[in-house]
Protein backbone atom coordinates (compact mmCIF):
# COMPACT_ATOMS: atom_id res chain seq x y z
CA UNK A 1 0.00 0.00 0.00
CA UNK A 2 1.36 3.40 -1.03
CA UNK A 3 2.44 5.74 1.76
CA UNK A 4 0.29 8.81 2.46
CA UNK A 5 3.45 10.60 3.58
CA UNK A 6 6.98 10.06 2.31
CA UNK A 7 9.91 12.03 3.70
CA UNK A 8 13.27 11.55 1.97
CA UNK A 9 16.57 13.15 2.95
CA UNK A 10 14.79 16.10 4.58
CA UNK A 11 17.08 18.96 5.55
CA UNK A 12 16.15 22.32 7.05
CA UNK A 13 18.68 25.08 7.65
CA UNK A 14 18.25 28.39 9.41
CA UNK A 15 21.33 30.26 8.30
CA UNK A 16 24.26 28.20 9.52
CA UNK A 17 22.10 26.14 11.87
CA UNK A 18 21.00 22.79 10.46
CA UNK A 19 17.86 21.94 12.41
CA UNK A 20 16.96 18.81 10.42
CA UNK A 21 19.81 16.76 8.99
CA UNK A 22 18.56 14.42 6.30
CA UNK A 23 15.77 12.35 7.82
CA UNK A 24 13.66 9.66 6.16
CA UNK A 25 10.34 8.12 7.18
CA UNK A 26 6.93 7.20 5.80
CA UNK A 27 3.38 7.07 7.09
CA UNK A 28 0.94 4.53 5.62
CA UNK A 29 -2.85 4.84 5.36
CA UNK A 30 -4.39 4.14 8.75
CA UNK A 31 -1.02 4.33 10.51
CA UNK A 32 -0.23 6.53 13.51
CA UNK A 33 3.45 7.49 13.36
CA UNK A 34 4.88 9.13 16.45
CA UNK A 35 7.80 11.52 15.92
CA UNK A 36 9.37 12.20 19.29
CA UNK A 37 12.45 13.95 20.60
CA UNK A 38 13.71 16.50 23.13
CA UNK A 39 13.10 20.21 22.68
CA UNK A 40 15.07 21.55 19.73
CA UNK A 41 15.47 18.13 18.13
CA UNK A 42 13.76 19.17 14.88
CA UNK A 43 10.37 17.50 15.26
CA UNK A 44 8.20 20.64 15.14
CA UNK A 45 10.21 21.94 12.18
CA UNK A 46 9.52 18.64 10.42
CA UNK A 47 5.80 18.84 11.16
CA UNK A 48 5.65 22.40 9.81
CA UNK A 49 7.38 21.37 6.60
CA UNK A 50 4.92 18.52 6.11
CA UNK A 51 2.11 21.02 6.77
CA UNK A 52 3.51 23.31 3.99
CA UNK A 53 4.21 26.12 6.47
CA UNK A 54 7.99 25.91 6.08
CA UNK A 55 9.99 25.00 2.99
CA UNK A 56 12.75 22.39 3.18
CA UNK A 57 16.34 23.31 2.40
CA UNK A 58 16.94 19.93 0.74
CA UNK A 59 15.27 16.56 0.31
CA UNK A 60 11.65 15.90 -0.54
CA UNK A 61 8.30 15.50 1.20
CA UNK A 62 5.22 14.16 -0.57
CA UNK A 63 1.66 13.63 0.63
CA UNK A 64 -0.25 11.18 -1.52
CA UNK A 65 2.43 11.67 -4.18
CA UNK A 66 2.05 15.47 -4.12
CA UNK A 67 5.12 17.59 -3.42
CA UNK A 68 4.73 19.94 -0.43
CA UNK A 69 6.70 22.70 -2.17
CA UNK A 70 5.67 22.63 -5.83
CA UNK A 71 2.11 21.38 -5.16
CA UNK A 72 1.46 23.00 -1.81
CA UNK A 73 -2.11 24.10 -2.61
CA UNK A 74 -3.09 20.56 -3.61
CA UNK A 75 -1.36 19.11 -0.54
CA UNK A 76 -3.39 21.38 1.74
CA UNK A 77 -6.57 19.81 0.36
CA UNK A 78 -5.46 16.45 1.78
CA UNK A 79 -3.99 17.36 5.16
CA UNK A 80 -4.95 18.97 8.44
CA UNK A 81 -2.62 20.49 11.01
CA UNK A 82 -3.24 20.96 14.72
CA UNK A 83 -0.34 22.92 16.23
CA UNK A 84 0.39 22.81 19.95
CA UNK A 85 -0.62 26.43 20.50
CA UNK A 86 -3.67 26.52 18.22
CA UNK A 87 -6.61 28.69 19.23
CA UNK A 88 -10.18 29.37 18.16
CA UNK A 89 -12.13 32.62 17.87
CA UNK A 90 -13.29 33.24 21.44
CA UNK A 91 -16.19 35.52 20.52
CA UNK A 92 -17.75 32.92 18.22
CA UNK A 93 -20.11 30.19 19.35
CA UNK A 94 -18.68 26.72 18.92
CA UNK A 95 -21.25 25.82 16.28
CA UNK A 96 -20.55 29.04 14.34
CA UNK A 97 -16.82 28.34 14.47
CA UNK A 98 -17.29 24.87 12.97
CA UNK A 99 -19.60 26.26 10.30
CA UNK A 100 -17.10 29.01 9.48
CA UNK A 101 -14.30 26.45 9.09
CA UNK A 102 -16.48 24.17 6.93
CA UNK A 103 -17.19 27.11 4.63
CA UNK A 104 -13.45 27.73 4.30
CA UNK A 105 -12.81 24.09 3.37
CA UNK A 106 -15.76 23.62 1.01
CA UNK A 107 -17.91 25.72 -1.30
CA UNK A 108 -20.47 22.94 -1.74
CA UNK A 109 -23.28 23.20 0.84
CA UNK A 110 -23.72 19.44 1.12
CA UNK A 111 -20.05 18.87 1.89
CA UNK A 112 -20.15 21.74 4.40
CA UNK A 113 -23.07 20.09 6.18
CA UNK A 114 -21.33 16.69 6.21
CA UNK A 115 -18.17 18.22 7.67
CA UNK A 116 -20.16 20.04 10.37
CA UNK A 117 -21.95 16.82 11.31
CA UNK A 118 -18.61 15.03 11.69
CA UNK A 119 -17.13 17.89 13.70
CA UNK A 120 -20.08 18.11 16.08
CA UNK A 121 -19.90 14.38 16.75
CA UNK A 122 -16.12 14.45 17.27
CA UNK A 123 -16.24 17.47 19.56
CA UNK A 124 -18.90 15.85 21.74
CA UNK A 125 -19.81 19.18 23.28
CA UNK A 126 -23.57 18.91 22.84
CA UNK A 127 -25.45 22.05 23.82
CA UNK A 128 -22.20 23.80 24.76
CA UNK A 129 -21.66 24.34 21.04
CA UNK A 130 -24.25 27.11 21.39
CA UNK A 131 -21.93 28.95 23.80
CA UNK A 132 -19.01 31.20 22.97
CA UNK A 133 -15.62 29.51 22.70
CA UNK A 134 -14.27 31.97 25.28
CA UNK A 135 -16.37 30.21 27.93
CA UNK A 136 -14.83 26.79 27.20
CA UNK A 137 -12.29 24.98 29.34
CA UNK A 138 -8.95 24.09 27.76
CA UNK A 139 -10.17 20.53 27.24
CA UNK A 140 -13.33 21.66 25.49
CA UNK A 141 -11.37 24.02 23.25
CA UNK A 142 -8.93 21.29 22.33
CA UNK A 143 -11.78 18.95 21.42
CA UNK A 144 -13.27 21.68 19.22
CA UNK A 145 -9.91 22.19 17.50
CA UNK A 146 -9.42 18.46 16.96
CA UNK A 147 -12.91 18.32 15.46
CA UNK A 148 -11.96 21.15 13.13
CA UNK A 149 -8.78 19.29 12.18
CA UNK A 150 -10.46 16.06 11.14
CA UNK A 151 -13.90 17.27 9.99
CA UNK A 152 -12.73 16.91 6.38
CA UNK A 153 -11.46 13.35 6.92
CA UNK A 154 -7.97 14.29 5.71
CA UNK A 155 -5.61 11.81 4.13
CA UNK A 156 -3.03 12.90 6.72
CA UNK A 157 -3.62 14.57 10.09
CA UNK A 158 -0.60 16.31 11.62
CA UNK A 159 -1.07 16.57 15.37
CA UNK A 160 1.43 18.41 17.57
CA UNK A 161 0.88 17.75 21.29
CA UNK A 162 -2.86 17.07 20.80
CA UNK A 163 -3.56 16.52 24.53
CA UNK A 164 -1.11 19.03 25.99
CA UNK A 165 -2.32 20.35 29.35
CA UNK A 166 -5.52 18.30 29.41
CA UNK A 167 -6.92 16.27 32.27
CA UNK A 168 -7.01 12.48 32.06
CA UNK A 169 -10.59 12.16 30.82
CA UNK A 170 -10.29 14.79 28.09
CA UNK A 171 -6.97 13.33 26.98
CA UNK A 172 -8.52 9.86 26.78
CA UNK A 173 -11.39 11.18 24.67
CA UNK A 174 -9.01 12.77 22.18
CA UNK A 175 -6.82 9.65 21.95
CA UNK A 176 -9.80 7.42 21.28
CA UNK A 177 -11.00 9.82 18.58
CA UNK A 178 -7.60 9.76 16.87
CA UNK A 179 -7.49 5.96 17.01
CA UNK A 180 -10.99 5.61 15.56
CA UNK A 181 -10.24 7.87 12.59
CA UNK A 182 -6.94 6.09 11.93
CA UNK A 183 -8.85 2.79 11.94
CA UNK A 184 -10.93 4.21 9.08
CA UNK A 185 -7.78 4.88 7.02
CA UNK A 186 -6.56 8.34 8.04
CA UNK A 187 -2.79 8.58 8.37
CA UNK A 188 -1.55 10.42 11.46
CA UNK A 189 1.78 12.14 12.10
CA UNK A 190 1.86 12.67 15.84
CA UNK A 191 4.27 14.50 18.12
CA UNK A 192 4.01 14.53 21.91
CA UNK A 193 6.19 14.77 24.99
CA UNK A 194 3.87 12.30 26.70
CA UNK A 195 5.60 8.96 26.17
CA UNK A 196 2.66 6.98 27.54
CA UNK A 197 0.46 8.66 24.95
CA UNK A 198 2.92 7.89 22.17
CA UNK A 199 3.21 4.26 23.29
CA UNK A 200 -0.58 3.90 23.49
CA UNK A 201 -1.36 5.54 20.14
CA UNK A 202 1.54 4.90 17.79
CA UNK A 203 1.95 1.99 15.41
CA UNK A 204 5.54 3.08 14.79
CA UNK A 205 7.80 5.62 16.42
CA UNK A 206 10.75 7.65 15.17
CA UNK A 207 13.07 9.16 17.79
CA UNK A 208 14.70 12.33 16.52
CA UNK A 209 17.68 13.89 18.30
CA UNK A 210 19.85 16.77 17.10
CA UNK A 211 18.15 16.77 13.73
CA UNK A 212 18.55 13.05 12.97
CA UNK A 213 16.31 10.04 13.46
CA UNK A 214 18.31 7.67 15.65
CA UNK A 215 15.73 4.92 16.12
CA UNK A 216 12.57 3.77 14.41
CA UNK A 217 10.21 0.88 15.01
CA UNK A 218 7.11 -0.23 16.86
CA UNK A 219 7.01 0.59 20.57
CA UNK A 220 7.41 -3.13 21.31
CA UNK A 221 10.44 -3.44 19.03
CA UNK A 222 12.15 -0.43 20.59
CA UNK A 223 11.48 -1.63 24.14
CA UNK A 224 12.82 -5.06 23.27
CA UNK A 225 15.95 -3.65 21.63
CA UNK A 226 16.81 -1.54 24.68
CA UNK A 227 15.49 -4.06 27.22
CA UNK A 228 13.35 -1.24 28.55
CA UNK A 229 10.15 -1.37 30.57
CA UNK A 230 8.64 1.61 28.76
CA UNK A 231 9.10 3.82 25.72
CA UNK A 232 10.04 6.58 28.13
CA UNK A 233 13.14 4.59 29.10
CA UNK A 234 14.01 4.07 25.44
CA UNK A 235 13.61 7.78 24.76
CA UNK A 236 15.88 8.68 27.69
CA UNK A 237 18.56 6.29 26.45
CA UNK A 238 18.50 7.52 22.83
CA UNK A 239 18.22 11.24 23.64
CA UNK A 240 21.12 11.42 26.10
C-alpha atoms as a PDB file:
ATOM      1  CA  UNK A   1       0.000   0.000   0.000  1.00  0.00           C
ATOM      2  CA  UNK A   2       1.362   3.399  -1.034  1.00  0.00           C
ATOM      3  CA  UNK A   3       2.435   5.743   1.759  1.00  0.00           C
ATOM      4  CA  UNK A   4       0.287   8.805   2.460  1.00  0.00           C
ATOM      5  CA  UNK A   5       3.447  10.601   3.580  1.00  0.00           C
ATOM      6  CA  UNK A   6       6.975  10.057   2.307  1.00  0.00           C
ATOM      7  CA  UNK A   7       9.908  12.027   3.696  1.00  0.00           C
ATOM      8  CA  UNK A   8      13.267  11.546   1.965  1.00  0.00           C
ATOM      9  CA  UNK A   9      16.566  13.152   2.953  1.00  0.00           C
ATOM     10  CA  UNK A  10      14.793  16.096   4.579  1.00  0.00           C
ATOM     11  CA  UNK A  11      17.083  18.962   5.547  1.00  0.00           C
ATOM     12  CA  UNK A  12      16.149  22.319   7.048  1.00  0.00           C
ATOM     13  CA  UNK A  13      18.680  25.075   7.652  1.00  0.00           C
ATOM     14  CA  UNK A  14      18.246  28.388   9.410  1.00  0.00           C
ATOM     15  CA  UNK A  15      21.331  30.264   8.296  1.00  0.00           C
ATOM     16  CA  UNK A  16      24.261  28.196   9.518  1.00  0.00           C
ATOM     17  CA  UNK A  17      22.104  26.145  11.870  1.00  0.00           C
ATOM     18  CA  UNK A  18      21.005  22.793  10.457  1.00  0.00           C
ATOM     19  CA  UNK A  19      17.855  21.944  12.411  1.00  0.00           C
ATOM     20  CA  UNK A  20      16.959  18.810  10.422  1.00  0.00           C
ATOM     21  CA  UNK A  21      19.805  16.756   8.988  1.00  0.00           C
ATOM     22  CA  UNK A  22      18.564  14.415   6.304  1.00  0.00           C
ATOM     23  CA  UNK A  23      15.771  12.348   7.822  1.00  0.00           C
ATOM     24  CA  UNK A  24      13.662   9.660   6.160  1.00  0.00           C
ATOM     25  CA  UNK A  25      10.342   8.117   7.178  1.00  0.00           C
ATOM     26  CA  UNK A  26       6.930   7.201   5.795  1.00  0.00           C
ATOM     27  CA  UNK A  27       3.376   7.073   7.092  1.00  0.00           C
ATOM     28  CA  UNK A  28       0.940   4.534   5.622  1.00  0.00           C
ATOM     29  CA  UNK A  29      -2.852   4.844   5.364  1.00  0.00           C
ATOM     30  CA  UNK A  30      -4.388   4.141   8.748  1.00  0.00           C
ATOM     31  CA  UNK A  31      -1.019   4.331  10.514  1.00  0.00           C
ATOM     32  CA  UNK A  32      -0.230   6.526  13.513  1.00  0.00           C
ATOM     33  CA  UNK A  33       3.446   7.489  13.356  1.00  0.00           C
ATOM     34  CA  UNK A  34       4.879   9.127  16.449  1.00  0.00           C
ATOM     35  CA  UNK A  35       7.799  11.521  15.920  1.00  0.00           C
ATOM     36  CA  UNK A  36       9.373  12.205  19.295  1.00  0.00           C
ATOM     37  CA  UNK A  37      12.446  13.951  20.600  1.00  0.00           C
ATOM     38  CA  UNK A  38      13.707  16.499  23.130  1.00  0.00           C
ATOM     39  CA  UNK A  39      13.096  20.213  22.676  1.00  0.00           C
ATOM     40  CA  UNK A  40      15.067  21.553  19.726  1.00  0.00           C
ATOM     41  CA  UNK A  41      15.465  18.128  18.132  1.00  0.00           C
ATOM     42  CA  UNK A  42      13.762  19.165  14.877  1.00  0.00           C
ATOM     43  CA  UNK A  43      10.375  17.501  15.257  1.00  0.00           C
ATOM     44  CA  UNK A  44       8.204  20.644  15.136  1.00  0.00           C
ATOM     45  CA  UNK A  45      10.211  21.940  12.176  1.00  0.00           C
ATOM     46  CA  UNK A  46       9.524  18.642  10.421  1.00  0.00           C
ATOM     47  CA  UNK A  47       5.803  18.836  11.156  1.00  0.00           C
ATOM     48  CA  UNK A  48       5.649  22.401   9.815  1.00  0.00           C
ATOM     49  CA  UNK A  49       7.384  21.371   6.604  1.00  0.00           C
ATOM     50  CA  UNK A  50       4.916  18.522   6.106  1.00  0.00           C
ATOM     51  CA  UNK A  51       2.108  21.018   6.775  1.00  0.00           C
ATOM     52  CA  UNK A  52       3.508  23.309   3.989  1.00  0.00           C
ATOM     53  CA  UNK A  53       4.206  26.116   6.470  1.00  0.00           C
ATOM     54  CA  UNK A  54       7.992  25.914   6.079  1.00  0.00           C
ATOM     55  CA  UNK A  55       9.992  24.996   2.989  1.00  0.00           C
ATOM     56  CA  UNK A  56      12.750  22.388   3.176  1.00  0.00           C
ATOM     57  CA  UNK A  57      16.340  23.314   2.396  1.00  0.00           C
ATOM     58  CA  UNK A  58      16.939  19.933   0.742  1.00  0.00           C
ATOM     59  CA  UNK A  59      15.271  16.564   0.307  1.00  0.00           C
ATOM     60  CA  UNK A  60      11.651  15.904  -0.541  1.00  0.00           C
ATOM     61  CA  UNK A  61       8.302  15.502   1.202  1.00  0.00           C
ATOM     62  CA  UNK A  62       5.222  14.161  -0.572  1.00  0.00           C
ATOM     63  CA  UNK A  63       1.659  13.634   0.627  1.00  0.00           C
ATOM     64  CA  UNK A  64      -0.247  11.184  -1.525  1.00  0.00           C
ATOM     65  CA  UNK A  65       2.427  11.671  -4.176  1.00  0.00           C
ATOM     66  CA  UNK A  66       2.046  15.471  -4.124  1.00  0.00           C
ATOM     67  CA  UNK A  67       5.115  17.587  -3.416  1.00  0.00           C
ATOM     68  CA  UNK A  68       4.732  19.937  -0.426  1.00  0.00           C
ATOM     69  CA  UNK A  69       6.698  22.699  -2.171  1.00  0.00           C
ATOM     70  CA  UNK A  70       5.669  22.626  -5.826  1.00  0.00           C
ATOM     71  CA  UNK A  71       2.114  21.381  -5.165  1.00  0.00           C
ATOM     72  CA  UNK A  72       1.458  23.001  -1.807  1.00  0.00           C
ATOM     73  CA  UNK A  73      -2.113  24.098  -2.611  1.00  0.00           C
ATOM     74  CA  UNK A  74      -3.088  20.562  -3.611  1.00  0.00           C
ATOM     75  CA  UNK A  75      -1.358  19.108  -0.538  1.00  0.00           C
ATOM     76  CA  UNK A  76      -3.394  21.384   1.739  1.00  0.00           C
ATOM     77  CA  UNK A  77      -6.569  19.813   0.363  1.00  0.00           C
ATOM     78  CA  UNK A  78      -5.459  16.453   1.776  1.00  0.00           C
ATOM     79  CA  UNK A  79      -3.985  17.360   5.159  1.00  0.00           C
ATOM     80  CA  UNK A  80      -4.945  18.974   8.437  1.00  0.00           C
ATOM     81  CA  UNK A  81      -2.620  20.486  11.014  1.00  0.00           C
ATOM     82  CA  UNK A  82      -3.238  20.961  14.721  1.00  0.00           C
ATOM     83  CA  UNK A  83      -0.340  22.925  16.234  1.00  0.00           C
ATOM     84  CA  UNK A  84       0.385  22.814  19.949  1.00  0.00           C
ATOM     85  CA  UNK A  85      -0.624  26.433  20.499  1.00  0.00           C
ATOM     86  CA  UNK A  86      -3.670  26.516  18.221  1.00  0.00           C
ATOM     87  CA  UNK A  87      -6.609  28.687  19.235  1.00  0.00           C
ATOM     88  CA  UNK A  88     -10.179  29.372  18.161  1.00  0.00           C
ATOM     89  CA  UNK A  89     -12.126  32.624  17.875  1.00  0.00           C
ATOM     90  CA  UNK A  90     -13.286  33.240  21.438  1.00  0.00           C
ATOM     91  CA  UNK A  91     -16.189  35.519  20.517  1.00  0.00           C
ATOM     92  CA  UNK A  92     -17.747  32.923  18.217  1.00  0.00           C
ATOM     93  CA  UNK A  93     -20.111  30.194  19.346  1.00  0.00           C
ATOM     94  CA  UNK A  94     -18.680  26.722  18.921  1.00  0.00           C
ATOM     95  CA  UNK A  95     -21.249  25.823  16.275  1.00  0.00           C
ATOM     96  CA  UNK A  96     -20.546  29.040  14.341  1.00  0.00           C
ATOM     97  CA  UNK A  97     -16.817  28.345  14.473  1.00  0.00           C
ATOM     98  CA  UNK A  98     -17.287  24.875  12.967  1.00  0.00           C
ATOM     99  CA  UNK A  99     -19.601  26.258  10.296  1.00  0.00           C
ATOM    100  CA  UNK A 100     -17.100  29.015   9.481  1.00  0.00           C
ATOM    101  CA  UNK A 101     -14.303  26.451   9.092  1.00  0.00           C
ATOM    102  CA  UNK A 102     -16.476  24.168   6.934  1.00  0.00           C
ATOM    103  CA  UNK A 103     -17.189  27.111   4.626  1.00  0.00           C
ATOM    104  CA  UNK A 104     -13.451  27.730   4.299  1.00  0.00           C
ATOM    105  CA  UNK A 105     -12.814  24.089   3.371  1.00  0.00           C
ATOM    106  CA  UNK A 106     -15.758  23.617   1.014  1.00  0.00           C
ATOM    107  CA  UNK A 107     -17.915  25.725  -1.301  1.00  0.00           C
ATOM    108  CA  UNK A 108     -20.469  22.936  -1.736  1.00  0.00           C
ATOM    109  CA  UNK A 109     -23.278  23.203   0.835  1.00  0.00           C
ATOM    110  CA  UNK A 110     -23.718  19.436   1.118  1.00  0.00           C
ATOM    111  CA  UNK A 111     -20.050  18.873   1.893  1.00  0.00           C
ATOM    112  CA  UNK A 112     -20.149  21.737   4.396  1.00  0.00           C
ATOM    113  CA  UNK A 113     -23.068  20.095   6.183  1.00  0.00           C
ATOM    114  CA  UNK A 114     -21.333  16.691   6.213  1.00  0.00           C
ATOM    115  CA  UNK A 115     -18.167  18.225   7.670  1.00  0.00           C
ATOM    116  CA  UNK A 116     -20.157  20.043  10.370  1.00  0.00           C
ATOM    117  CA  UNK A 117     -21.949  16.824  11.311  1.00  0.00           C
ATOM    118  CA  UNK A 118     -18.612  15.028  11.689  1.00  0.00           C
ATOM    119  CA  UNK A 119     -17.128  17.890  13.700  1.00  0.00           C
ATOM    120  CA  UNK A 120     -20.084  18.111  16.083  1.00  0.00           C
ATOM    121  CA  UNK A 121     -19.897  14.377  16.750  1.00  0.00           C
ATOM    122  CA  UNK A 122     -16.116  14.446  17.266  1.00  0.00           C
ATOM    123  CA  UNK A 123     -16.240  17.473  19.564  1.00  0.00           C
ATOM    124  CA  UNK A 124     -18.900  15.847  21.737  1.00  0.00           C
ATOM    125  CA  UNK A 125     -19.812  19.184  23.275  1.00  0.00           C
ATOM    126  CA  UNK A 126     -23.572  18.905  22.836  1.00  0.00           C
ATOM    127  CA  UNK A 127     -25.452  22.046  23.823  1.00  0.00           C
ATOM    128  CA  UNK A 128     -22.204  23.800  24.760  1.00  0.00           C
ATOM    129  CA  UNK A 129     -21.661  24.336  21.036  1.00  0.00           C
ATOM    130  CA  UNK A 130     -24.251  27.108  21.395  1.00  0.00           C
ATOM    131  CA  UNK A 131     -21.935  28.951  23.802  1.00  0.00           C
ATOM    132  CA  UNK A 132     -19.005  31.203  22.972  1.00  0.00           C
ATOM    133  CA  UNK A 133     -15.618  29.513  22.703  1.00  0.00           C
ATOM    134  CA  UNK A 134     -14.269  31.973  25.282  1.00  0.00           C
ATOM    135  CA  UNK A 135     -16.369  30.207  27.933  1.00  0.00           C
ATOM    136  CA  UNK A 136     -14.828  26.790  27.196  1.00  0.00           C
ATOM    137  CA  UNK A 137     -12.291  24.981  29.342  1.00  0.00           C
ATOM    138  CA  UNK A 138      -8.949  24.086  27.763  1.00  0.00           C
ATOM    139  CA  UNK A 139     -10.167  20.529  27.244  1.00  0.00           C
ATOM    140  CA  UNK A 140     -13.329  21.662  25.487  1.00  0.00           C
ATOM    141  CA  UNK A 141     -11.373  24.019  23.253  1.00  0.00           C
ATOM    142  CA  UNK A 142      -8.926  21.295  22.329  1.00  0.00           C
ATOM    143  CA  UNK A 143     -11.785  18.951  21.417  1.00  0.00           C
ATOM    144  CA  UNK A 144     -13.268  21.676  19.220  1.00  0.00           C
ATOM    145  CA  UNK A 145      -9.913  22.187  17.501  1.00  0.00           C
ATOM    146  CA  UNK A 146      -9.423  18.462  16.961  1.00  0.00           C
ATOM    147  CA  UNK A 147     -12.913  18.323  15.465  1.00  0.00           C
ATOM    148  CA  UNK A 148     -11.962  21.152  13.130  1.00  0.00           C
ATOM    149  CA  UNK A 149      -8.776  19.294  12.178  1.00  0.00           C
ATOM    150  CA  UNK A 150     -10.462  16.062  11.136  1.00  0.00           C
ATOM    151  CA  UNK A 151     -13.899  17.265   9.989  1.00  0.00           C
ATOM    152  CA  UNK A 152     -12.725  16.912   6.376  1.00  0.00           C
ATOM    153  CA  UNK A 153     -11.463  13.352   6.922  1.00  0.00           C
ATOM    154  CA  UNK A 154      -7.974  14.292   5.708  1.00  0.00           C
ATOM    155  CA  UNK A 155      -5.606  11.815   4.131  1.00  0.00           C
ATOM    156  CA  UNK A 156      -3.031  12.896   6.722  1.00  0.00           C
ATOM    157  CA  UNK A 157      -3.623  14.566  10.089  1.00  0.00           C
ATOM    158  CA  UNK A 158      -0.598  16.309  11.617  1.00  0.00           C
ATOM    159  CA  UNK A 159      -1.068  16.573  15.371  1.00  0.00           C
ATOM    160  CA  UNK A 160       1.432  18.410  17.569  1.00  0.00           C
ATOM    161  CA  UNK A 161       0.879  17.748  21.293  1.00  0.00           C
ATOM    162  CA  UNK A 162      -2.860  17.068  20.804  1.00  0.00           C
ATOM    163  CA  UNK A 163      -3.559  16.521  24.528  1.00  0.00           C
ATOM    164  CA  UNK A 164      -1.113  19.031  25.992  1.00  0.00           C
ATOM    165  CA  UNK A 165      -2.317  20.352  29.350  1.00  0.00           C
ATOM    166  CA  UNK A 166      -5.525  18.296  29.411  1.00  0.00           C
ATOM    167  CA  UNK A 167      -6.917  16.272  32.274  1.00  0.00           C
ATOM    168  CA  UNK A 168      -7.006  12.483  32.058  1.00  0.00           C
ATOM    169  CA  UNK A 169     -10.590  12.161  30.818  1.00  0.00           C
ATOM    170  CA  UNK A 170     -10.293  14.794  28.091  1.00  0.00           C
ATOM    171  CA  UNK A 171      -6.968  13.327  26.976  1.00  0.00           C
ATOM    172  CA  UNK A 172      -8.517   9.857  26.784  1.00  0.00           C
ATOM    173  CA  UNK A 173     -11.395  11.176  24.668  1.00  0.00           C
ATOM    174  CA  UNK A 174      -9.015  12.767  22.180  1.00  0.00           C
ATOM    175  CA  UNK A 175      -6.821   9.654  21.954  1.00  0.00           C
ATOM    176  CA  UNK A 176      -9.798   7.418  21.277  1.00  0.00           C
ATOM    177  CA  UNK A 177     -10.997   9.819  18.576  1.00  0.00           C
ATOM    178  CA  UNK A 178      -7.596   9.764  16.871  1.00  0.00           C
ATOM    179  CA  UNK A 179      -7.488   5.962  17.007  1.00  0.00           C
ATOM    180  CA  UNK A 180     -10.986   5.615  15.563  1.00  0.00           C
ATOM    181  CA  UNK A 181     -10.241   7.871  12.588  1.00  0.00           C
ATOM    182  CA  UNK A 182      -6.944   6.088  11.933  1.00  0.00           C
ATOM    183  CA  UNK A 183      -8.853   2.793  11.939  1.00  0.00           C
ATOM    184  CA  UNK A 184     -10.932   4.210   9.082  1.00  0.00           C
ATOM    185  CA  UNK A 185      -7.784   4.880   7.019  1.00  0.00           C
ATOM    186  CA  UNK A 186      -6.562   8.339   8.040  1.00  0.00           C
ATOM    187  CA  UNK A 187      -2.786   8.576   8.371  1.00  0.00           C
ATOM    188  CA  UNK A 188      -1.549  10.423  11.456  1.00  0.00           C
ATOM    189  CA  UNK A 189       1.781  12.139  12.096  1.00  0.00           C
ATOM    190  CA  UNK A 190       1.861  12.672  15.845  1.00  0.00           C
ATOM    191  CA  UNK A 191       4.268  14.497  18.119  1.00  0.00           C
ATOM    192  CA  UNK A 192       4.005  14.532  21.908  1.00  0.00           C
ATOM    193  CA  UNK A 193       6.189  14.769  24.989  1.00  0.00           C
ATOM    194  CA  UNK A 194       3.867  12.296  26.700  1.00  0.00           C
ATOM    195  CA  UNK A 195       5.604   8.963  26.167  1.00  0.00           C
ATOM    196  CA  UNK A 196       2.657   6.979  27.544  1.00  0.00           C
ATOM    197  CA  UNK A 197       0.458   8.656  24.953  1.00  0.00           C
ATOM    198  CA  UNK A 198       2.920   7.886  22.166  1.00  0.00           C
ATOM    199  CA  UNK A 199       3.211   4.264  23.294  1.00  0.00           C
ATOM    200  CA  UNK A 200      -0.575   3.904  23.487  1.00  0.00           C
ATOM    201  CA  UNK A 201      -1.362   5.537  20.144  1.00  0.00           C
ATOM    202  CA  UNK A 202       1.543   4.899  17.792  1.00  0.00           C
ATOM    203  CA  UNK A 203       1.949   1.991  15.406  1.00  0.00           C
ATOM    204  CA  UNK A 204       5.542   3.076  14.788  1.00  0.00           C
ATOM    205  CA  UNK A 205       7.800   5.620  16.418  1.00  0.00           C
ATOM    206  CA  UNK A 206      10.749   7.646  15.173  1.00  0.00           C
ATOM    207  CA  UNK A 207      13.071   9.157  17.786  1.00  0.00           C
ATOM    208  CA  UNK A 208      14.705  12.333  16.515  1.00  0.00           C
ATOM    209  CA  UNK A 209      17.677  13.892  18.302  1.00  0.00           C
ATOM    210  CA  UNK A 210      19.854  16.771  17.105  1.00  0.00           C
ATOM    211  CA  UNK A 211      18.154  16.767  13.735  1.00  0.00           C
ATOM    212  CA  UNK A 212      18.552  13.050  12.974  1.00  0.00           C
ATOM    213  CA  UNK A 213      16.312  10.038  13.462  1.00  0.00           C
ATOM    214  CA  UNK A 214      18.311   7.672  15.649  1.00  0.00           C
ATOM    215  CA  UNK A 215      15.730   4.915  16.124  1.00  0.00           C
ATOM    216  CA  UNK A 216      12.566   3.766  14.410  1.00  0.00           C
ATOM    217  CA  UNK A 217      10.208   0.881  15.012  1.00  0.00           C
ATOM    218  CA  UNK A 218       7.113  -0.229  16.857  1.00  0.00           C
ATOM    219  CA  UNK A 219       7.014   0.587  20.574  1.00  0.00           C
ATOM    220  CA  UNK A 220       7.410  -3.127  21.309  1.00  0.00           C
ATOM    221  CA  UNK A 221      10.445  -3.443  19.031  1.00  0.00           C
ATOM    222  CA  UNK A 222      12.153  -0.435  20.591  1.00  0.00           C
ATOM    223  CA  UNK A 223      11.481  -1.626  24.143  1.00  0.00           C
ATOM    224  CA  UNK A 224      12.822  -5.058  23.272  1.00  0.00           C
ATOM    225  CA  UNK A 225      15.954  -3.646  21.635  1.00  0.00           C
ATOM    226  CA  UNK A 226      16.808  -1.543  24.677  1.00  0.00           C
ATOM    227  CA  UNK A 227      15.490  -4.061  27.218  1.00  0.00           C
ATOM    228  CA  UNK A 228      13.349  -1.241  28.552  1.00  0.00           C
ATOM    229  CA  UNK A 229      10.152  -1.375  30.574  1.00  0.00           C
ATOM    230  CA  UNK A 230       8.636   1.608  28.757  1.00  0.00           C
ATOM    231  CA  UNK A 231       9.098   3.818  25.719  1.00  0.00           C
ATOM    232  CA  UNK A 232      10.041   6.580  28.127  1.00  0.00           C
ATOM    233  CA  UNK A 233      13.140   4.587  29.104  1.00  0.00           C
ATOM    234  CA  UNK A 234      14.013   4.074  25.435  1.00  0.00           C
ATOM    235  CA  UNK A 235      13.612   7.781  24.763  1.00  0.00           C
ATOM    236  CA  UNK A 236      15.883   8.681  27.688  1.00  0.00           C
ATOM    237  CA  UNK A 237      18.561   6.290  26.446  1.00  0.00           C
ATOM    238  CA  UNK A 238      18.503   7.520  22.832  1.00  0.00           C
ATOM    239  CA  UNK A 239      18.223  11.237  23.636  1.00  0.00           C
ATOM    240  CA  UNK A 240      21.120  11.424  26.097  1.00  0.00           C
END
